[in-house]
Amino acid sequence: MSLSVQFLTLAMMLLSGVGMGAAFDGYRVVSNRLRIGRWLVPVLDLLYWLAATLVVFRVLAASNEGELRFYVFLGLLLGIGFYFWLFSSAVIAFVVWLMDMLQRIWRLFLNCLDWVVLKPLFLLGKLLRVMAGFVLAFTVLLFRIVLQLLKPFWLILRWVLGPLWRPAARAIGPWIGKLELAGRWREWTSRVRGRWNKWFGGAGDDGSSG
């Protein structure tokens, strides 16, 4: 093996040692910030060392075809020591700053999602409930007005059809009683009244409390 290849391999191992140190500091800061459970730390440590070993052997295979020499381990140790001597504190500070920046960006995204999507949808839902309440109240009022306007015609019609209606009512009265229409009508109206209070009663309470 030529001297130039050996120097290249030594330089690559130095860089690999620096990379291993930087990766270890980054992994340590991220695991501490994410508060990874203690039971998961040995697994992640094993994965780190497996990944570091694969990367070193890949670099070694590219530089001197994978031959293990003394200067290979010397280069790795010098690279790791050089990194922790000069660059460790700077890399840790950069990773902490990067984690803080990503956390701020995530909070900003959640706030934007809340203000742009969730709150408008909530306000739209309340507005639709209030509008539905007004429409239903207006419909009931209009229906009552129509009934009041039709009441004279209904009285005239009942007076005209009275001689025919009374015998028919006596004939079908028992059959209608079996259907229990009055009870069913009261049950249905109570259900409608309960739904009305459930759907639109809360909107009125909110408005009064404001």
C-alpha atoms as a PDB file:
ATOM      1  CA  MET A   1       0.000   0.000   0.000  1.00  0.00           C
ATOM      2  CA  SER A   2       1.448   3.335  -1.027  1.00  0.00           C
ATOM      3  CA  LEU A   3       2.180   6.153   1.382  1.00  0.00           C
ATOM      4  CA  SER A   4      -0.424   8.426  -0.214  1.00  0.00           C
ATOM      5  CA  VAL A   5      -3.138   5.831   0.366  1.00  0.00           C
ATOM      6  CA  GLN A   6      -2.118   5.522   3.988  1.00  0.00           C
ATOM      7  CA  PHE A   7      -2.243   9.286   4.501  1.00  0.00           C
ATOM      8  CA  LEU A   8      -5.633   9.382   2.765  1.00  0.00           C
ATOM      9  CA  THR A   9      -6.906   6.603   5.016  1.00  0.00           C
ATOM     10  CA  LEU A  10      -5.587   8.399   8.103  1.00  0.00           C
ATOM     11  CA  ALA A  11      -7.306  11.635   7.038  1.00  0.00           C
ATOM     12  CA  MET A  12     -10.558   9.821   6.355  1.00  0.00           C
ATOM     13  CA  MET A  13     -10.427   8.152   9.777  1.00  0.00           C
ATOM     14  CA  LEU A  14      -9.781  11.531  11.403  1.00  0.00           C
ATOM     15  CA  LEU A  15     -12.886  12.915   9.691  1.00  0.00           C
ATOM     16  CA  SER A  16     -14.831   9.788  10.610  1.00  0.00           C
ATOM     17  CA  GLY A  17     -13.851  10.273  14.252  1.00  0.00           C
ATOM     18  CA  VAL A  18     -15.020  13.894  14.126  1.00  0.00           C
ATOM     19  CA  GLY A  19     -18.292  12.762  12.534  1.00  0.00           C
ATOM     20  CA  MET A  20     -18.803  10.089  15.178  1.00  0.00           C
ATOM     21  CA  GLY A  21     -18.310  12.662  17.938  1.00  0.00           C
ATOM     22  CA  ALA A  22     -20.719  15.134  16.324  1.00  0.00           C
ATOM     23  CA  ALA A  23     -23.321  12.411  15.786  1.00  0.00           C
ATOM     24  CA  PHE A  24     -22.957  11.283  19.395  1.00  0.00           C
ATOM     25  CA  ASP A  25     -23.443  14.814  20.758  1.00  0.00           C
ATOM     26  CA  GLY A  26     -26.443  15.379  18.513  1.00  0.00           C
ATOM     27  CA  TYR A  27     -27.982  12.065  19.505  1.00  0.00           C
ATOM     28  CA  ARG A  28     -27.407  12.818  23.191  1.00  0.00           C
ATOM     29  CA  VAL A  29     -28.986  16.293  23.036  1.00  0.00           C
ATOM     30  CA  VAL A  30     -32.002  15.086  21.029  1.00  0.00           C
ATOM     31  CA  SER A  31     -32.619  12.124  23.350  1.00  0.00           C
ATOM     32  CA  ASN A  32     -32.436  14.392  26.401  1.00  0.00           C
ATOM     33  CA  ARG A  33     -34.786  16.998  24.900  1.00  0.00           C
ATOM     34  CA  LEU A  34     -37.285  14.351  23.811  1.00  0.00           C
ATOM     35  CA  ARG A  35     -37.078  12.694  27.242  1.00  0.00           C
ATOM     36  CA  ILE A  36     -36.666   9.195  25.880  1.00  0.00           C
ATOM     37  CA  GLY A  37     -37.386   6.480  28.418  1.00  0.00           C
ATOM     38  CA  ARG A  38     -34.503   4.756  30.134  1.00  0.00           C
ATOM     39  CA  TRP A  39     -35.477   1.383  28.741  1.00  0.00           C
ATOM     40  CA  LEU A  40     -35.033   2.745  25.206  1.00  0.00           C
ATOM     41  CA  VAL A  41     -31.579   4.297  25.761  1.00  0.00           C
ATOM     42  CA  PRO A  42     -29.599   1.000  25.457  1.00  0.00           C
ATOM     43  CA  VAL A  43     -31.430   0.171  22.235  1.00  0.00           C
ATOM     44  CA  LEU A  44     -30.622   3.582  20.742  1.00  0.00           C
ATOM     45  CA  ASP A  45     -27.014   3.319  21.903  1.00  0.00           C
ATOM     46  CA  LEU A  46     -26.706  -0.020  20.155  1.00  0.00           C
ATOM     47  CA  LEU A  47     -28.231   1.408  16.986  1.00  0.00           C
ATOM     48  CA  TYR A  48     -25.814   4.360  17.133  1.00  0.00           C
ATOM     49  CA  TRP A  49     -22.755   2.156  17.413  1.00  0.00           C
ATOM     50  CA  LEU A  50     -23.992  -0.150  14.672  1.00  0.00           C
ATOM     51  CA  ALA A  51     -24.561   2.808  12.364  1.00  0.00           C
ATOM     52  CA  ALA A  52     -21.174   4.332  13.254  1.00  0.00           C
ATOM     53  CA  THR A  53     -19.428   1.008  12.608  1.00  0.00           C
ATOM     54  CA  LEU A  54     -21.100   0.597   9.228  1.00  0.00           C
ATOM     55  CA  VAL A  55     -20.181   4.157   8.193  1.00  0.00           C
ATOM     56  CA  VAL A  56     -16.534   3.730   9.299  1.00  0.00           C
ATOM     57  CA  PHE A  57     -16.144   0.465   7.440  1.00  0.00           C
ATOM     58  CA  ARG A  58     -17.795   1.994   4.379  1.00  0.00           C
ATOM     59  CA  VAL A  59     -15.307   4.884   4.467  1.00  0.00           C
ATOM     60  CA  LEU A  60     -12.460   2.454   5.089  1.00  0.00           C
ATOM     61  CA  ALA A  61     -13.505   0.319   2.126  1.00  0.00           C
ATOM     62  CA  ALA A  62     -13.546   3.400  -0.102  1.00  0.00           C
ATOM     63  CA  SER A  63     -10.106   4.604   1.047  1.00  0.00           C
ATOM     64  CA  ASN A  64      -7.938   1.456   1.337  1.00  0.00           C
ATOM     65  CA  GLU A  65     -10.266  -1.391   0.300  1.00  0.00           C
ATOM     66  CA  GLY A  66     -11.160  -2.240   3.912  1.00  0.00           C
ATOM     67  CA  GLU A  67      -7.723  -3.129   5.268  1.00  0.00           C
ATOM     68  CA  LEU A  68      -7.435  -2.748   9.043  1.00  0.00           C
ATOM     69  CA  ARG A  69      -4.162  -1.181  10.151  1.00  0.00           C
ATOM     70  CA  PHE A  70      -2.939   0.401  13.348  1.00  0.00           C
ATOM     71  CA  TYR A  71      -3.201   3.920  11.959  1.00  0.00           C
ATOM     72  CA  VAL A  72      -6.908   3.311  11.212  1.00  0.00           C
ATOM     73  CA  PHE A  73      -7.740   3.072  14.924  1.00  0.00           C
ATOM     74  CA  LEU A  74      -5.218   5.825  15.694  1.00  0.00           C
ATOM     75  CA  GLY A  75      -6.971   8.117  13.206  1.00  0.00           C
ATOM     76  CA  LEU A  76     -10.391   7.372  14.723  1.00  0.00           C
ATOM     77  CA  LEU A  77      -9.187   8.058  18.273  1.00  0.00           C
ATOM     78  CA  LEU A  78      -7.400  11.257  17.222  1.00  0.00           C
ATOM     79  CA  GLY A  79     -10.492  12.440  15.339  1.00  0.00           C
ATOM     80  CA  ILE A  80     -12.802  11.773  18.311  1.00  0.00           C
ATOM     81  CA  GLY A  81     -10.390  13.444  20.738  1.00  0.00           C
ATOM     82  CA  PHE A  82      -9.880  16.416  18.423  1.00  0.00           C
ATOM     83  CA  TYR A  83     -13.623  16.855  18.114  1.00  0.00           C
ATOM     84  CA  PHE A  84     -14.351  16.766  21.869  1.00  0.00           C
ATOM     85  CA  TRP A  85     -11.429  19.121  22.455  1.00  0.00           C
ATOM     86  CA  LEU A  86     -12.494  21.849  19.991  1.00  0.00           C
ATOM     87  CA  PHE A  87     -15.978  21.349  18.553  1.00  0.00           C
ATOM     88  CA  SER A  88     -18.144  19.527  21.103  1.00  0.00           C
ATOM     89  CA  SER A  89     -19.504  22.577  22.949  1.00  0.00           C
ATOM     90  CA  ALA A  90     -20.220  24.424  19.678  1.00  0.00           C
ATOM     91  CA  VAL A  91     -22.062  21.444  18.186  1.00  0.00           C
ATOM     92  CA  ILE A  92     -24.138  20.951  21.350  1.00  0.00           C
ATOM     93  CA  ALA A  93     -25.073  24.643  21.360  1.00  0.00           C
ATOM     94  CA  PHE A  94     -26.032  24.460  17.681  1.00  0.00           C
ATOM     95  CA  VAL A  95     -28.190  21.350  18.185  1.00  0.00           C
ATOM     96  CA  VAL A  96     -29.921  22.964  21.191  1.00  0.00           C
ATOM     97  CA  TRP A  97     -30.578  26.098  19.136  1.00  0.00           C
ATOM     98  CA  LEU A  98     -31.891  23.992  16.256  1.00  0.00           C
ATOM     99  CA  MET A  99     -34.229  22.062  18.576  1.00  0.00           C
ATOM    100  CA  ASP A 100     -35.538  25.320  20.062  1.00  0.00           C
ATOM    101  CA  MET A 101     -36.081  26.755  16.588  1.00  0.00           C
ATOM    102  CA  LEU A 102     -37.965  23.657  15.430  1.00  0.00           C
ATOM    103  CA  GLN A 103     -40.090  23.753  18.581  1.00  0.00           C
ATOM    104  CA  ARG A 104     -40.956  27.419  17.976  1.00  0.00           C
ATOM    105  CA  ILE A 105     -41.829  26.696  14.356  1.00  0.00           C
ATOM    106  CA  TRP A 106     -44.079  23.830  15.462  1.00  0.00           C
ATOM    107  CA  ARG A 107     -45.848  26.039  18.021  1.00  0.00           C
ATOM    108  CA  LEU A 108     -46.288  28.763  15.416  1.00  0.00           C
ATOM    109  CA  PHE A 109     -47.779  26.200  13.037  1.00  0.00           C
ATOM    110  CA  LEU A 110     -50.222  24.999  15.713  1.00  0.00           C
ATOM    111  CA  ASN A 111     -51.235  28.583  16.536  1.00  0.00           C
ATOM    112  CA  CYS A 112     -51.771  29.378  12.855  1.00  0.00           C
ATOM    113  CA  LEU A 113     -53.816  26.196  12.470  1.00  0.00           C
ATOM    114  CA  ASP A 114     -55.903  27.188  15.478  1.00  0.00           C
ATOM    115  CA  TRP A 115     -56.545  30.759  14.298  1.00  0.00           C
ATOM    116  CA  VAL A 116     -56.907  30.066  10.567  1.00  0.00           C
ATOM    117  CA  VAL A 117     -58.822  26.756  10.581  1.00  0.00           C
ATOM    118  CA  LEU A 118     -60.184  25.630  13.947  1.00  0.00           C
ATOM    119  CA  LYS A 119     -61.541  28.877  15.380  1.00  0.00           C
ATOM    120  CA  PRO A 120     -63.214  29.968  12.106  1.00  0.00           C
ATOM    121  CA  LEU A 121     -64.864  26.558  11.863  1.00  0.00           C
ATOM    122  CA  PHE A 122     -66.046  26.830  15.468  1.00  0.00           C
ATOM    123  CA  LEU A 123     -67.436  30.327  14.895  1.00  0.00           C
ATOM    124  CA  LEU A 124     -69.061  29.184  11.665  1.00  0.00           C
ATOM    125  CA  GLY A 125     -70.733  26.330  13.516  1.00  0.00           C
ATOM    126  CA  LYS A 126     -72.101  28.696  16.161  1.00  0.00           C
ATOM    127  CA  LEU A 127     -73.276  31.098  13.454  1.00  0.00           C
ATOM    128  CA  LEU A 128     -75.069  28.278  11.631  1.00  0.00           C
ATOM    129  CA  ARG A 129     -76.751  27.200  14.854  1.00  0.00           C
ATOM    130  CA  VAL A 130     -77.946  30.739  15.552  1.00  0.00           C
ATOM    131  CA  MET A 131     -79.161  31.171  11.965  1.00  0.00           C
ATOM    132  CA  ALA A 132     -80.969  27.837  12.096  1.00  0.00           C
ATOM    133  CA  GLY A 133     -82.637  28.936  15.331  1.00  0.00           C
ATOM    134  CA  PHE A 134     -83.793  32.203  13.773  1.00  0.00           C
ATOM    135  CA  VAL A 135     -85.062  30.440  10.649  1.00  0.00           C
ATOM    136  CA  LEU A 136     -86.971  27.891  12.695  1.00  0.00           C
ATOM    137  CA  ALA A 137     -88.433  30.583  14.961  1.00  0.00           C
ATOM    138  CA  PHE A 138     -89.470  32.641  11.931  1.00  0.00           C
ATOM    139  CA  THR A 139     -91.034  29.570  10.333  1.00  0.00           C
ATOM    140  CA  VAL A 140     -93.051  28.821  13.485  1.00  0.00           C
ATOM    141  CA  LEU A 141     -94.176  32.458  13.683  1.00  0.00           C
ATOM    142  CA  LEU A 142     -95.167  32.462  10.030  1.00  0.00           C
ATOM    143  CA  PHE A 143     -97.038  29.206  10.501  1.00  0.00           C
ATOM    144  CA  ARG A 144     -98.970  30.686  13.431  1.00  0.00           C
ATOM    145  CA  ILE A 145     -99.833  33.783  11.402  1.00  0.00           C
ATOM    146  CA  VAL A 146    -101.120  31.611   8.551  1.00  0.00           C
ATOM    147  CA  LEU A 147    -103.212  29.609  11.020  1.00  0.00           C
ATOM    148  CA  GLN A 148    -104.709  32.800  12.429  1.00  0.00           C
ATOM    149  CA  LEU A 149    -105.542  34.025   8.918  1.00  0.00           C
ATOM    150  CA  LEU A 150    -107.130  30.706   8.003  1.00  0.00           C
ATOM    151  CA  LYS A 151    -109.098  30.412  11.237  1.00  0.00           C
ATOM    152  CA  PRO A 152    -112.229  32.234   9.892  1.00  0.00           C
ATOM    153  CA  PHE A 153    -112.298  30.028   6.816  1.00  0.00           C
ATOM    154  CA  TRP A 154    -111.889  26.975   9.029  1.00  0.00           C
ATOM    155  CA  LEU A 155    -114.829  28.073  11.220  1.00  0.00           C
ATOM    156  CA  ILE A 156    -117.014  28.614   8.165  1.00  0.00           C
ATOM    157  CA  LEU A 157    -115.983  25.235   6.736  1.00  0.00           C
ATOM    158  CA  ARG A 158    -116.660  23.482  10.041  1.00  0.00           C
ATOM    159  CA  TRP A 159    -120.068  25.138  10.258  1.00  0.00           C
ATOM    160  CA  VAL A 160    -120.880  24.036   6.682  1.00  0.00           C
ATOM    161  CA  LEU A 161    -119.600  20.490   7.136  1.00  0.00           C
ATOM    162  CA  GLY A 162    -120.861  20.122  10.703  1.00  0.00           C
ATOM    163  CA  PRO A 163    -123.965  18.053   9.821  1.00  0.00           C
ATOM    164  CA  LEU A 164    -121.763  15.622   7.887  1.00  0.00           C
ATOM    165  CA  TRP A 165    -118.804  15.619  10.275  1.00  0.00           C
ATOM    166  CA  ARG A 166    -120.618  14.714  13.498  1.00  0.00           C
ATOM    167  CA  PRO A 167    -122.027  11.349  12.300  1.00  0.00           C
ATOM    168  CA  ALA A 168    -118.704  10.505  10.665  1.00  0.00           C
ATOM    169  CA  ALA A 169    -116.827  11.423  13.870  1.00  0.00           C
ATOM    170  CA  ARG A 170    -119.091   9.186  15.928  1.00  0.00           C
ATOM    171  CA  ALA A 171    -118.504   6.351  13.477  1.00  0.00           C
ATOM    172  CA  ILE A 172    -114.716   6.537  13.322  1.00  0.00           C
ATOM    173  CA  GLY A 173    -114.206   7.768  16.894  1.00  0.00           C
ATOM    174  CA  PRO A 174    -113.547   4.311  18.428  1.00  0.00           C
ATOM    175  CA  TRP A 175    -111.118   3.434  15.629  1.00  0.00           C
ATOM    176  CA  ILE A 176    -109.163   6.650  16.113  1.00  0.00           C
ATOM    177  CA  GLY A 177    -109.061   6.067  19.860  1.00  0.00           C
ATOM    178  CA  LYS A 178    -107.328   2.745  19.277  1.00  0.00           C
ATOM    179  CA  LEU A 179    -104.535   4.555  17.416  1.00  0.00           C
ATOM    180  CA  GLU A 180    -103.796   6.740  20.480  1.00  0.00           C
ATOM    181  CA  LEU A 181    -103.089   9.735  18.267  1.00  0.00           C
ATOM    182  CA  ALA A 182    -103.241  12.227  21.126  1.00  0.00           C
ATOM    183  CA  GLY A 183    -100.604  10.381  23.144  1.00  0.00           C
ATOM    184  CA  ARG A 184     -98.368  10.002  20.139  1.00  0.00           C
ATOM    185  CA  TRP A 185     -98.780  13.670  19.313  1.00  0.00           C
ATOM    186  CA  ARG A 186     -97.756  14.662  22.863  1.00  0.00           C
ATOM    187  CA  GLU A 187     -94.772  12.323  22.736  1.00  0.00           C
ATOM    188  CA  TRP A 188     -93.642  13.715  19.389  1.00  0.00           C
ATOM    189  CA  THR A 189     -94.009  17.338  20.512  1.00  0.00           C
ATOM    190  CA  SER A 190     -92.045  16.603  23.699  1.00  0.00           C
ATOM    191  CA  ARG A 191     -89.252  15.085  21.621  1.00  0.00           C
ATOM    192  CA  VAL A 192     -89.197  18.092  19.297  1.00  0.00           C
ATOM    193  CA  ARG A 193     -89.132  20.436  22.301  1.00  0.00           C
ATOM    194  CA  GLY A 194     -86.242  18.460  23.839  1.00  0.00           C
ATOM    195  CA  ARG A 195     -84.244  18.585  20.612  1.00  0.00           C
ATOM    196  CA  TRP A 196     -84.906  22.329  20.344  1.00  0.00           C
ATOM    197  CA  ASN A 197     -83.617  22.932  23.879  1.00  0.00           C
ATOM    198  CA  LYS A 198     -80.596  20.722  23.235  1.00  0.00           C
ATOM    199  CA  TRP A 199     -79.613  22.324  19.939  1.00  0.00           C
ATOM    200  CA  PHE A 200     -80.522  25.961  20.462  1.00  0.00           C
ATOM    201  CA  GLY A 201     -80.867  26.321  24.189  1.00  0.00           C
ATOM    202  CA  GLY A 202     -77.035  26.436  24.640  1.00  0.00           C
ATOM    203  CA  ALA A 203     -76.683  29.240  22.102  1.00  0.00           C
ATOM    204  CA  GLY A 204     -79.133  31.370  24.013  1.00  0.00           C
ATOM    205  CA  ASP A 205     -77.272  30.703  27.300  1.00  0.00           C
ATOM    206  CA  ASP A 206     -73.968  31.720  25.700  1.00  0.00           C
ATOM    207  CA  GLY A 207     -75.463  34.928  24.445  1.00  0.00           C
ATOM    208  CA  SER A 208     -76.988  35.811  27.818  1.00  0.00           C
ATOM    209  CA  SER A 209     -73.755  35.098  29.701  1.00  0.00           C
ATOM    210  CA  GLY A 210     -71.816  37.441  27.414  1.00  0.00           C
END
